[in-house]
PDB file of N, CA and C in Angstrom:
ATOM      1  N   MET A   1      -6.562  19.431 -13.107  1.00  0.00           N
ATOM      2  CA  MET A   1      -6.977  18.272 -12.338  1.00  0.00           C
ATOM      3  C   MET A   1      -7.796  18.738 -11.129  1.00  0.00           C
ATOM      4  N   ASN A   2      -8.881  18.077 -10.855  1.00  0.00           N
ATOM      5  CA  ASN A   2      -9.746  18.425  -9.741  1.00  0.00           C
ATOM      6  C   ASN A   2      -9.122  18.005  -8.418  1.00  0.00           C
ATOM      7  N   ALA A   3      -9.412  18.766  -7.399  1.00  0.00           N
ATOM      8  CA  ALA A   3      -8.936  18.437  -6.062  1.00  0.00           C
ATOM      9  C   ALA A   3      -9.683  17.218  -5.535  1.00  0.00           C
ATOM     10  N   ILE A   4      -9.000  16.458  -4.728  1.00  0.00           N
ATOM     11  CA  ILE A   4      -9.587  15.303  -4.056  1.00  0.00           C
ATOM     12  C   ILE A   4      -9.497  15.561  -2.559  1.00  0.00           C
ATOM     13  N   TYR A   5     -10.585  15.316  -1.861  1.00  0.00           N
ATOM     14  CA  TYR A   5     -10.629  15.462  -0.408  1.00  0.00           C
ATOM     15  C   TYR A   5     -10.876  14.086   0.195  1.00  0.00           C
ATOM     16  N   ILE A   6     -10.207  13.812   1.305  1.00  0.00           N
ATOM     17  CA  ILE A   6     -10.395  12.525   1.975  1.00  0.00           C
ATOM     18  C   ILE A   6     -10.765  12.769   3.441  1.00  0.00           C
ATOM     19  N   ALA A   7     -11.626  11.902   3.954  1.00  0.00           N
ATOM     20  CA  ALA A   7     -12.038  11.974   5.355  1.00  0.00           C
ATOM     21  C   ALA A   7     -12.120  10.557   5.904  1.00  0.00           C
ATOM     22  N   ARG A   8     -11.726  10.428   7.149  1.00  0.00           N
ATOM     23  CA  ARG A   8     -11.817   9.119   7.813  1.00  0.00           C
ATOM     24  C   ARG A   8     -13.285   8.762   8.025  1.00  0.00           C
ATOM     25  N   ASN A   9     -13.606   7.491   7.875  1.00  0.00           N
ATOM     26  CA  ASN A   9     -14.939   6.995   8.200  1.00  0.00           C
ATOM     27  C   ASN A   9     -15.019   6.903   9.724  1.00  0.00           C
ATOM     28  N   ARG A  10     -15.981   7.556  10.304  1.00  0.00           N
ATOM     29  CA  ARG A  10     -16.093   7.608  11.772  1.00  0.00           C
ATOM     30  C   ARG A  10     -16.388   6.251  12.407  1.00  0.00           C
ATOM     31  N   SER A  11     -16.845   5.292  11.630  1.00  0.00           N
ATOM     32  CA  SER A  11     -17.149   3.977  12.205  1.00  0.00           C
ATOM     33  C   SER A  11     -15.927   3.050  12.211  1.00  0.00           C
ATOM     34  N   VAL A  12     -14.775   3.589  11.860  1.00  0.00           N
ATOM     35  CA  VAL A  12     -13.542   2.809  11.847  1.00  0.00           C
ATOM     36  C   VAL A  12     -12.746   3.114  13.115  1.00  0.00           C
ATOM     37  N   ALA A  13     -12.432   2.063  13.853  1.00  0.00           N
ATOM     38  CA  ALA A  13     -11.598   2.217  15.047  1.00  0.00           C
ATOM     39  C   ALA A  13     -10.140   2.145  14.613  1.00  0.00           C
ATOM     40  N   TYR A  14      -9.301   2.935  15.265  1.00  0.00           N
ATOM     41  CA  TYR A  14      -7.883   2.898  14.910  1.00  0.00           C
ATOM     42  C   TYR A  14      -7.010   3.134  16.128  1.00  0.00           C
ATOM     43  N   ARG A  15      -5.784   2.656  15.996  1.00  0.00           N
ATOM     44  CA  ARG A  15      -4.805   2.823  17.071  1.00  0.00           C
ATOM     45  C   ARG A  15      -3.420   2.933  16.465  1.00  0.00           C
ATOM     46  N   ARG A  16      -2.650   3.891  16.931  1.00  0.00           N
ATOM     47  CA  ARG A  16      -1.270   4.048  16.486  1.00  0.00           C
ATOM     48  C   ARG A  16      -0.399   3.070  17.268  1.00  0.00           C
ATOM     49  N   LEU A  17       0.442   2.351  16.519  1.00  0.00           N
ATOM     50  CA  LEU A  17       1.418   1.430  17.102  1.00  0.00           C
ATOM     51  C   LEU A  17       2.775   1.783  16.512  1.00  0.00           C
ATOM     52  N   GLY A  18       3.521   2.622  17.199  1.00  0.00           N
ATOM     53  CA  GLY A  18       4.796   3.086  16.662  1.00  0.00           C
ATOM     54  C   GLY A  18       4.562   3.962  15.449  1.00  0.00           C
ATOM     55  N   ASP A  19       5.176   3.596  14.320  1.00  0.00           N
ATOM     56  CA  ASP A  19       5.019   4.365  13.078  1.00  0.00           C
ATOM     57  C   ASP A  19       3.812   3.928  12.267  1.00  0.00           C
ATOM     58  N   GLU A  20       3.132   2.884  12.700  1.00  0.00           N
ATOM     59  CA  GLU A  20       2.006   2.332  11.941  1.00  0.00           C
ATOM     60  C   GLU A  20       0.683   2.625  12.636  1.00  0.00           C
ATOM     61  N   ILE A  21      -0.379   2.482  11.864  1.00  0.00           N
ATOM     62  CA  ILE A  21      -1.725   2.587  12.419  1.00  0.00           C
ATOM     63  C   ILE A  21      -2.480   1.318  12.062  1.00  0.00           C
ATOM     64  N   LEU A  22      -3.182   0.784  13.033  1.00  0.00           N
ATOM     65  CA  LEU A  22      -4.016  -0.395  12.842  1.00  0.00           C
ATOM     66  C   LEU A  22      -5.469   0.072  12.784  1.00  0.00           C
ATOM     67  N   LEU A  23      -6.187  -0.313  11.714  1.00  0.00           N
ATOM     68  CA  LEU A  23      -7.582   0.073  11.520  1.00  0.00           C
ATOM     69  C   LEU A  23      -8.479  -1.153  11.582  1.00  0.00           C
ATOM     70  N   MET A  24      -9.671  -0.970  12.125  1.00  0.00           N
ATOM     71  CA  MET A  24     -10.664  -2.042  12.121  1.00  0.00           C
ATOM     72  C   MET A  24     -12.013  -1.433  11.778  1.00  0.00           C
ATOM     73  N   SER A  25     -12.597  -1.922  10.701  1.00  0.00           N
ATOM     74  CA  SER A  25     -13.888  -1.418  10.253  1.00  0.00           C
ATOM     75  C   SER A  25     -15.002  -2.126  11.007  1.00  0.00           C
ATOM     76  N   SER A  26     -16.049  -1.386  11.321  1.00  0.00           N
ATOM     77  CA  SER A  26     -17.212  -2.002  11.967  1.00  0.00           C
ATOM     78  C   SER A  26     -18.047  -2.769  10.950  1.00  0.00           C
ATOM     79  N   ARG A  27     -17.760  -2.571   9.685  1.00  0.00           N
ATOM     80  CA  ARG A  27     -18.505  -3.183   8.592  1.00  0.00           C
ATOM     81  C   ARG A  27     -18.144  -4.651   8.379  1.00  0.00           C
ATOM     82  N   ASP A  28     -16.897  -4.997   8.656  1.00  0.00           N
ATOM     83  CA  ASP A  28     -16.448  -6.377   8.492  1.00  0.00           C
ATOM     84  C   ASP A  28     -15.276  -6.631   9.439  1.00  0.00           C
ATOM     85  N   PRO A  29     -14.855  -7.872   9.570  1.00  0.00           N
ATOM     86  CA  PRO A  29     -13.796  -8.188  10.540  1.00  0.00           C
ATOM     87  C   PRO A  29     -12.372  -7.922  10.041  1.00  0.00           C
ATOM     88  N   ASN A  30     -12.225  -7.273   8.892  1.00  0.00           N
ATOM     89  CA  ASN A  30     -10.887  -7.031   8.355  1.00  0.00           C
ATOM     90  C   ASN A  30     -10.123  -6.012   9.169  1.00  0.00           C
ATOM     91  N   LEU A  31      -8.837  -6.284   9.340  1.00  0.00           N
ATOM     92  CA  LEU A  31      -7.920  -5.343   9.960  1.00  0.00           C
ATOM     93  C   LEU A  31      -7.014  -4.788   8.872  1.00  0.00           C
ATOM     94  N   PHE A  32      -6.680  -3.531   8.983  1.00  0.00           N
ATOM     95  CA  PHE A  32      -5.780  -2.887   8.033  1.00  0.00           C
ATOM     96  C   PHE A  32      -4.611  -2.312   8.811  1.00  0.00           C
ATOM     97  N   THR A  33      -3.414  -2.517   8.300  1.00  0.00           N
ATOM     98  CA  THR A  33      -2.228  -1.920   8.886  1.00  0.00           C
ATOM     99  C   THR A  33      -1.681  -0.899   7.910  1.00  0.00           C
ATOM    100  N   LEU A  34      -1.519   0.325   8.371  1.00  0.00           N
ATOM    101  CA  LEU A  34      -1.000   1.398   7.533  1.00  0.00           C
ATOM    102  C   LEU A  34       0.449   1.672   7.913  1.00  0.00           C
ATOM    103  N   ASN A  35       1.310   1.730   6.910  1.00  0.00           N
ATOM    104  CA  ASN A  35       2.712   2.049   7.151  1.00  0.00           C
ATOM    105  C   ASN A  35       2.845   3.539   7.465  1.00  0.00           C
ATOM    106  N   GLY A  36       4.060   4.035   7.552  1.00  0.00           N
ATOM    107  CA  GLY A  36       4.291   5.433   7.910  1.00  0.00           C
ATOM    108  C   GLY A  36       3.584   6.426   7.024  1.00  0.00           C
ATOM    109  N   VAL A  37       3.671   6.254   5.708  1.00  0.00           N
ATOM    110  CA  VAL A  37       3.012   7.180   4.783  1.00  0.00           C
ATOM    111  C   VAL A  37       1.491   7.055   4.902  1.00  0.00           C
ATOM    112  N   GLY A  38       1.000   5.828   4.942  1.00  0.00           N
ATOM    113  CA  GLY A  38      -0.436   5.615   5.090  1.00  0.00           C
ATOM    114  C   GLY A  38      -0.959   6.207   6.387  1.00  0.00           C
ATOM    115  N   ALA A  39      -0.194   6.059   7.461  1.00  0.00           N
ATOM    116  CA  ALA A  39      -0.585   6.621   8.754  1.00  0.00           C
ATOM    117  C   ALA A  39      -0.635   8.141   8.684  1.00  0.00           C
ATOM    118  N   LEU A  40       0.337   8.723   8.025  1.00  0.00           N
ATOM    119  CA  LEU A  40       0.380  10.178   7.867  1.00  0.00           C
ATOM    120  C   LEU A  40      -0.851  10.665   7.098  1.00  0.00           C
ATOM    121  N   LEU A  41      -1.195   9.968   6.023  1.00  0.00           N
ATOM    122  CA  LEU A  41      -2.374  10.352   5.235  1.00  0.00           C
ATOM    123  C   LEU A  41      -3.654  10.159   6.044  1.00  0.00           C
ATOM    124  N   TRP A  42      -3.749   9.054   6.783  1.00  0.00           N
ATOM    125  CA  TRP A  42      -4.920   8.775   7.613  1.00  0.00           C
ATOM    126  C   TRP A  42      -5.127   9.899   8.633  1.00  0.00           C
ATOM    127  N   GLU A  43      -4.057  10.251   9.321  1.00  0.00           N
ATOM    128  CA  GLU A  43      -4.172  11.289  10.348  1.00  0.00           C
ATOM    129  C   GLU A  43      -4.493  12.660   9.750  1.00  0.00           C
ATOM    130  N   SER A  44      -4.138  12.872   8.497  1.00  0.00           N
ATOM    131  CA  SER A  44      -4.384  14.159   7.830  1.00  0.00           C
ATOM    132  C   SER A  44      -5.733  14.218   7.127  1.00  0.00           C
ATOM    133  N   ALA A  45      -6.445  13.118   7.079  1.00  0.00           N
ATOM    134  CA  ALA A  45      -7.712  13.028   6.333  1.00  0.00           C
ATOM    135  C   ALA A  45      -8.833  13.716   7.100  1.00  0.00           C
ATOM    136  N   ASP A  46      -8.847  15.051   7.032  1.00  0.00           N
ATOM    137  CA  ASP A  46      -9.843  15.825   7.768  1.00  0.00           C
ATOM    138  C   ASP A  46     -11.064  16.214   6.939  1.00  0.00           C
ATOM    139  N   GLY A  47     -11.035  15.879   5.639  1.00  0.00           N
ATOM    140  CA  GLY A  47     -12.152  16.213   4.767  1.00  0.00           C
ATOM    141  C   GLY A  47     -12.142  17.646   4.268  1.00  0.00           C
ATOM    142  N   LYS A  48     -11.265  18.460   4.814  1.00  0.00           N
ATOM    143  CA  LYS A  48     -11.216  19.881   4.457  1.00  0.00           C
ATOM    144  C   LYS A  48      -9.979  20.247   3.650  1.00  0.00           C
ATOM    145  N   THR A  49      -8.911  19.495   3.831  1.00  0.00           N
ATOM    146  CA  THR A  49      -7.640  19.776   3.169  1.00  0.00           C
ATOM    147  C   THR A  49      -7.520  18.927   1.915  1.00  0.00           C
ATOM    148  N   PRO A  50      -7.282  19.529   0.749  1.00  0.00           N
ATOM    149  CA  PRO A  50      -7.124  18.729  -0.476  1.00  0.00           C
ATOM    150  C   PRO A  50      -5.953  17.753  -0.343  1.00  0.00           C
ATOM    151  N   LEU A  51      -6.106  16.582  -0.926  1.00  0.00           N
ATOM    152  CA  LEU A  51      -5.072  15.562  -0.863  1.00  0.00           C
ATOM    153  C   LEU A  51      -3.744  16.084  -1.400  1.00  0.00           C
ATOM    154  N   GLY A  52      -3.773  16.872  -2.453  1.00  0.00           N
ATOM    155  CA  GLY A  52      -2.548  17.440  -3.006  1.00  0.00           C
ATOM    156  C   GLY A  52      -1.803  18.308  -2.005  1.00  0.00           C
ATOM    157  N   GLU A  53      -2.547  19.024  -1.194  1.00  0.00           N
ATOM    158  CA  GLU A  53      -1.930  19.865  -0.162  1.00  0.00           C
ATOM    159  C   GLU A  53      -1.348  19.010   0.960  1.00  0.00           C
ATOM    160  N   ILE A  54      -2.049  17.951   1.334  1.00  0.00           N
ATOM    161  CA  ILE A  54      -1.532  17.023   2.345  1.00  0.00           C
ATOM    162  C   ILE A  54      -0.212  16.425   1.866  1.00  0.00           C
ATOM    163  N   VAL A  55      -0.190  15.994   0.619  1.00  0.00           N
ATOM    164  CA  VAL A  55       1.024  15.408   0.049  1.00  0.00           C
ATOM    165  C   VAL A  55       2.159  16.433   0.063  1.00  0.00           C
ATOM    166  N   ALA A  56       1.879  17.646  -0.401  1.00  0.00           N
ATOM    167  CA  ALA A  56       2.914  18.680  -0.476  1.00  0.00           C
ATOM    168  C   ALA A  56       3.437  19.074   0.900  1.00  0.00           C
ATOM    169  N   ARG A  57       2.553  19.209   1.857  1.00  0.00           N
ATOM    170  CA  ARG A  57       2.955  19.692   3.187  1.00  0.00           C
ATOM    171  C   ARG A  57       3.497  18.596   4.095  1.00  0.00           C
ATOM    172  N   ARG A  58       3.022  17.386   3.942  1.00  0.00           N
ATOM    173  CA  ARG A  58       3.406  16.336   4.894  1.00  0.00           C
ATOM    174  C   ARG A  58       4.299  15.279   4.260  1.00  0.00           C
ATOM    175  N   VAL A  59       3.865  14.684   3.156  1.00  0.00           N
ATOM    176  CA  VAL A  59       4.606  13.566   2.568  1.00  0.00           C
ATOM    177  C   VAL A  59       5.947  14.028   2.001  1.00  0.00           C
ATOM    178  N   LEU A  60       5.938  15.096   1.211  1.00  0.00           N
ATOM    179  CA  LEU A  60       7.177  15.557   0.581  1.00  0.00           C
ATOM    180  C   LEU A  60       8.184  16.075   1.603  1.00  0.00           C
ATOM    181  N   GLU A  61       7.697  16.529   2.744  1.00  0.00           N
ATOM    182  CA  GLU A  61       8.588  17.000   3.806  1.00  0.00           C
ATOM    183  C   GLU A  61       9.318  15.846   4.484  1.00  0.00           C
ATOM    184  N   GLU A  62       8.703  14.672   4.516  1.00  0.00           N
ATOM    185  CA  GLU A  62       9.268  13.550   5.259  1.00  0.00           C
ATOM    186  C   GLU A  62       9.881  12.450   4.401  1.00  0.00           C
ATOM    187  N   TYR A  63       9.521  12.393   3.125  1.00  0.00           N
ATOM    188  CA  TYR A  63       9.974  11.287   2.274  1.00  0.00           C
ATOM    189  C   TYR A  63      10.618  11.811   1.001  1.00  0.00           C
ATOM    190  N   ASP A  64      11.610  11.081   0.533  1.00  0.00           N
ATOM    191  CA  ASP A  64      12.336  11.439  -0.688  1.00  0.00           C
ATOM    192  C   ASP A  64      11.609  10.823  -1.879  1.00  0.00           C
ATOM    193  N   VAL A  65      10.674  11.585  -2.425  1.00  0.00           N
ATOM    194  CA  VAL A  65       9.836  11.121  -3.530  1.00  0.00           C
ATOM    195  C   VAL A  65       9.412  12.342  -4.337  1.00  0.00           C
ATOM    196  N   THR A  66       9.140  12.146  -5.617  1.00  0.00           N
ATOM    197  CA  THR A  66       8.666  13.272  -6.419  1.00  0.00           C
ATOM    198  C   THR A  66       7.215  13.575  -6.078  1.00  0.00           C
ATOM    199  N   GLN A  67       6.804  14.811  -6.342  1.00  0.00           N
ATOM    200  CA  GLN A  67       5.428  15.197  -6.060  1.00  0.00           C
ATOM    201  C   GLN A  67       4.446  14.368  -6.883  1.00  0.00           C
ATOM    202  N   GLU A  68       4.776  14.129  -8.152  1.00  0.00           N
ATOM    203  CA  GLU A  68       3.879  13.361  -9.025  1.00  0.00           C
ATOM    204  C   GLU A  68       3.708  11.937  -8.506  1.00  0.00           C
ATOM    205  N   GLU A  69       4.817  11.314  -8.136  1.00  0.00           N
ATOM    206  CA  GLU A  69       4.761   9.939  -7.624  1.00  0.00           C
ATOM    207  C   GLU A  69       4.007   9.879  -6.302  1.00  0.00           C
ATOM    208  N   ALA A  70       4.288  10.824  -5.420  1.00  0.00           N
ATOM    209  CA  ALA A  70       3.624  10.846  -4.116  1.00  0.00           C
ATOM    210  C   ALA A  70       2.123  11.057  -4.262  1.00  0.00           C
ATOM    211  N   LEU A  71       1.719  11.976  -5.136  1.00  0.00           N
ATOM    212  CA  LEU A  71       0.296  12.233  -5.324  1.00  0.00           C
ATOM    213  C   LEU A  71      -0.399  11.040  -5.967  1.00  0.00           C
ATOM    214  N   ARG A  72       0.232  10.440  -6.961  1.00  0.00           N
ATOM    215  CA  ARG A  72      -0.345   9.253  -7.602  1.00  0.00           C
ATOM    216  C   ARG A  72      -0.530   8.127  -6.581  1.00  0.00           C
ATOM    217  N   ASP A  73       0.496   7.871  -5.779  1.00  0.00           N
ATOM    218  CA  ASP A  73       0.407   6.816  -4.771  1.00  0.00           C
ATOM    219  C   ASP A  73      -0.632   7.142  -3.703  1.00  0.00           C
ATOM    220  N   ALA A  74      -0.718   8.411  -3.305  1.00  0.00           N
ATOM    221  CA  ALA A  74      -1.694   8.816  -2.295  1.00  0.00           C
ATOM    222  C   ALA A  74      -3.122   8.647  -2.817  1.00  0.00           C
ATOM    223  N   GLU A  75      -3.347   8.998  -4.073  1.00  0.00           N
ATOM    224  CA  GLU A  75      -4.681   8.817  -4.663  1.00  0.00           C
ATOM    225  C   GLU A  75      -5.036   7.340  -4.748  1.00  0.00           C
ATOM    226  N   GLU A  76      -4.087   6.517  -5.141  1.00  0.00           N
ATOM    227  CA  GLU A  76      -4.323   5.065  -5.218  1.00  0.00           C
ATOM    228  C   GLU A  76      -4.632   4.508  -3.833  1.00  0.00           C
ATOM    229  N   PHE A  77      -3.874   4.927  -2.840  1.00  0.00           N
ATOM    230  CA  PHE A  77      -4.090   4.516  -1.456  1.00  0.00           C
ATOM    231  C   PHE A  77      -5.491   4.915  -0.989  1.00  0.00           C
ATOM    232  N   ALA A  78      -5.862   6.167  -1.227  1.00  0.00           N
ATOM    233  CA  ALA A  78      -7.166   6.673  -0.792  1.00  0.00           C
ATOM    234  C   ALA A  78      -8.303   5.918  -1.468  1.00  0.00           C
ATOM    235  N   ARG A  79      -8.194   5.685  -2.751  1.00  0.00           N
ATOM    236  CA  ARG A  79      -9.251   4.962  -3.465  1.00  0.00           C
ATOM    237  C   ARG A  79      -9.369   3.515  -2.971  1.00  0.00           C
ATOM    238  N   SER A  80      -8.239   2.903  -2.676  1.00  0.00           N
ATOM    239  CA  SER A  80      -8.254   1.533  -2.157  1.00  0.00           C
ATOM    240  C   SER A  80      -8.967   1.474  -0.807  1.00  0.00           C
ATOM    241  N   LEU A  81      -8.657   2.413   0.085  1.00  0.00           N
ATOM    242  CA  LEU A  81      -9.325   2.418   1.387  1.00  0.00           C
ATOM    243  C   LEU A  81     -10.791   2.827   1.269  1.00  0.00           C
ATOM    244  N   ALA A  82     -11.108   3.671   0.303  1.00  0.00           N
ATOM    245  CA  ALA A  82     -12.507   4.046   0.079  1.00  0.00           C
ATOM    246  C   ALA A  82     -13.319   2.837  -0.381  1.00  0.00           C
ATOM    247  N   GLU A  83     -12.720   1.993  -1.214  1.00  0.00           N
ATOM    248  CA  GLU A  83     -13.403   0.782  -1.662  1.00  0.00           C
ATOM    249  C   GLU A  83     -13.715  -0.141  -0.489  1.00  0.00           C
ATOM    250  N   GLN A  84     -12.894  -0.087   0.536  1.00  0.00           N
ATOM    251  CA  GLN A  84     -13.094  -0.910   1.734  1.00  0.00           C
ATOM    252  C   GLN A  84     -14.010  -0.225   2.758  1.00  0.00           C
ATOM    253  N   GLY A  85     -14.431   1.002   2.453  1.00  0.00           N
ATOM    254  CA  GLY A  85     -15.304   1.735   3.362  1.00  0.00           C
ATOM    255  C   GLY A  85     -14.575   2.392   4.520  1.00  0.00           C
ATOM    256  N   VAL A  86     -13.253   2.483   4.430  1.00  0.00           N
ATOM    257  CA  VAL A  86     -12.452   3.036   5.517  1.00  0.00           C
ATOM    258  C   VAL A  86     -12.298   4.547   5.393  1.00  0.00           C
ATOM    259  N   LEU A  87     -12.150   5.037   4.174  1.00  0.00           N
ATOM    260  CA  LEU A  87     -12.048   6.473   3.894  1.00  0.00           C
ATOM    261  C   LEU A  87     -13.209   6.908   3.023  1.00  0.00           C
ATOM    262  N   ARG A  88     -13.535   8.182   3.109  1.00  0.00           N
ATOM    263  CA  ARG A  88     -14.502   8.778   2.190  1.00  0.00           C
ATOM    264  C   ARG A  88     -13.729   9.706   1.268  1.00  0.00           C
ATOM    265  N   ILE A  89     -14.104   9.734  -0.011  1.00  0.00           N
ATOM    266  CA  ILE A  89     -13.452  10.576  -1.007  1.00  0.00           C
ATOM    267  C   ILE A  89     -14.507  11.442  -1.677  1.00  0.00           C
ATOM    268  N   SER A  90     -14.111  12.700  -1.969  1.00  0.00           N
ATOM    269  CA  SER A  90     -15.026  13.611  -2.662  1.00  0.00           C
ATOM    270  C   SER A  90     -14.208  14.609  -3.477  1.00  0.00           C
ATOM    271  N   ASP A  91     -14.857  15.227  -4.446  1.00  0.00           N
ATOM    272  CA  ASP A  91     -14.198  16.275  -5.221  1.00  0.00           C
ATOM    273  C   ASP A  91     -14.465  17.657  -4.610  1.00  0.00           C
ATOM    274  N   ARG A  92     -15.071  17.690  -3.438  1.00  0.00           N
ATOM    275  CA  ARG A  92     -15.294  18.926  -2.697  1.00  0.00           C
ATOM    276  C   ARG A  92     -15.126  18.626  -1.214  1.00  0.00           C
ATOM    277  N   PRO A  93     -14.898  19.642  -0.398  1.00  0.00           N
ATOM    278  CA  PRO A  93     -14.711  19.389   1.035  1.00  0.00           C
ATOM    279  C   PRO A  93     -15.837  18.545   1.620  1.00  0.00           C
ATOM    280  N   ILE A  94     -15.467  17.688   2.535  1.00  0.00           N
ATOM    281  CA  ILE A  94     -16.411  16.762   3.173  1.00  0.00           C
ATOM    282  C   ILE A  94     -16.748  17.298   4.555  1.00  0.00           C
ATOM    283  N   SER A  95     -18.018  17.534   4.784  1.00  0.00           N
ATOM    284  CA  SER A  95     -18.437  17.970   6.117  1.00  0.00           C
ATOM    285  C   SER A  95     -19.029  16.776   6.847  1.00  0.00           C
ATOM    286  N   ASP A  96     -18.912  16.805   8.139  1.00  0.00           N
ATOM    287  CA  ASP A  96     -19.401  15.673   8.947  1.00  0.00           C
ATOM    288  C   ASP A  96     -20.860  15.602   8.968  1.00  0.00           C
TER     289      ASP A  96
END
């Protein structure tokens, strides 16, 4: 399976509120609220670290979930936010 890299879209404003993160895209008036896992993935989306490594190092350390389930959910989450223009996804590291 190919590695997936995720990076935050720089035009998205965000703010941490407790365990959640609130996102607002400059592209449209939609607001997104990310739960604890989503917030963890958002903060880890540096474009350089493969998503599988983020899941293994961060998600599996904090949540009781299998690696397969966590990776599947993380990929689904990333693709959903990419469709909204909030995250960028690539099969190679993303440079700014």
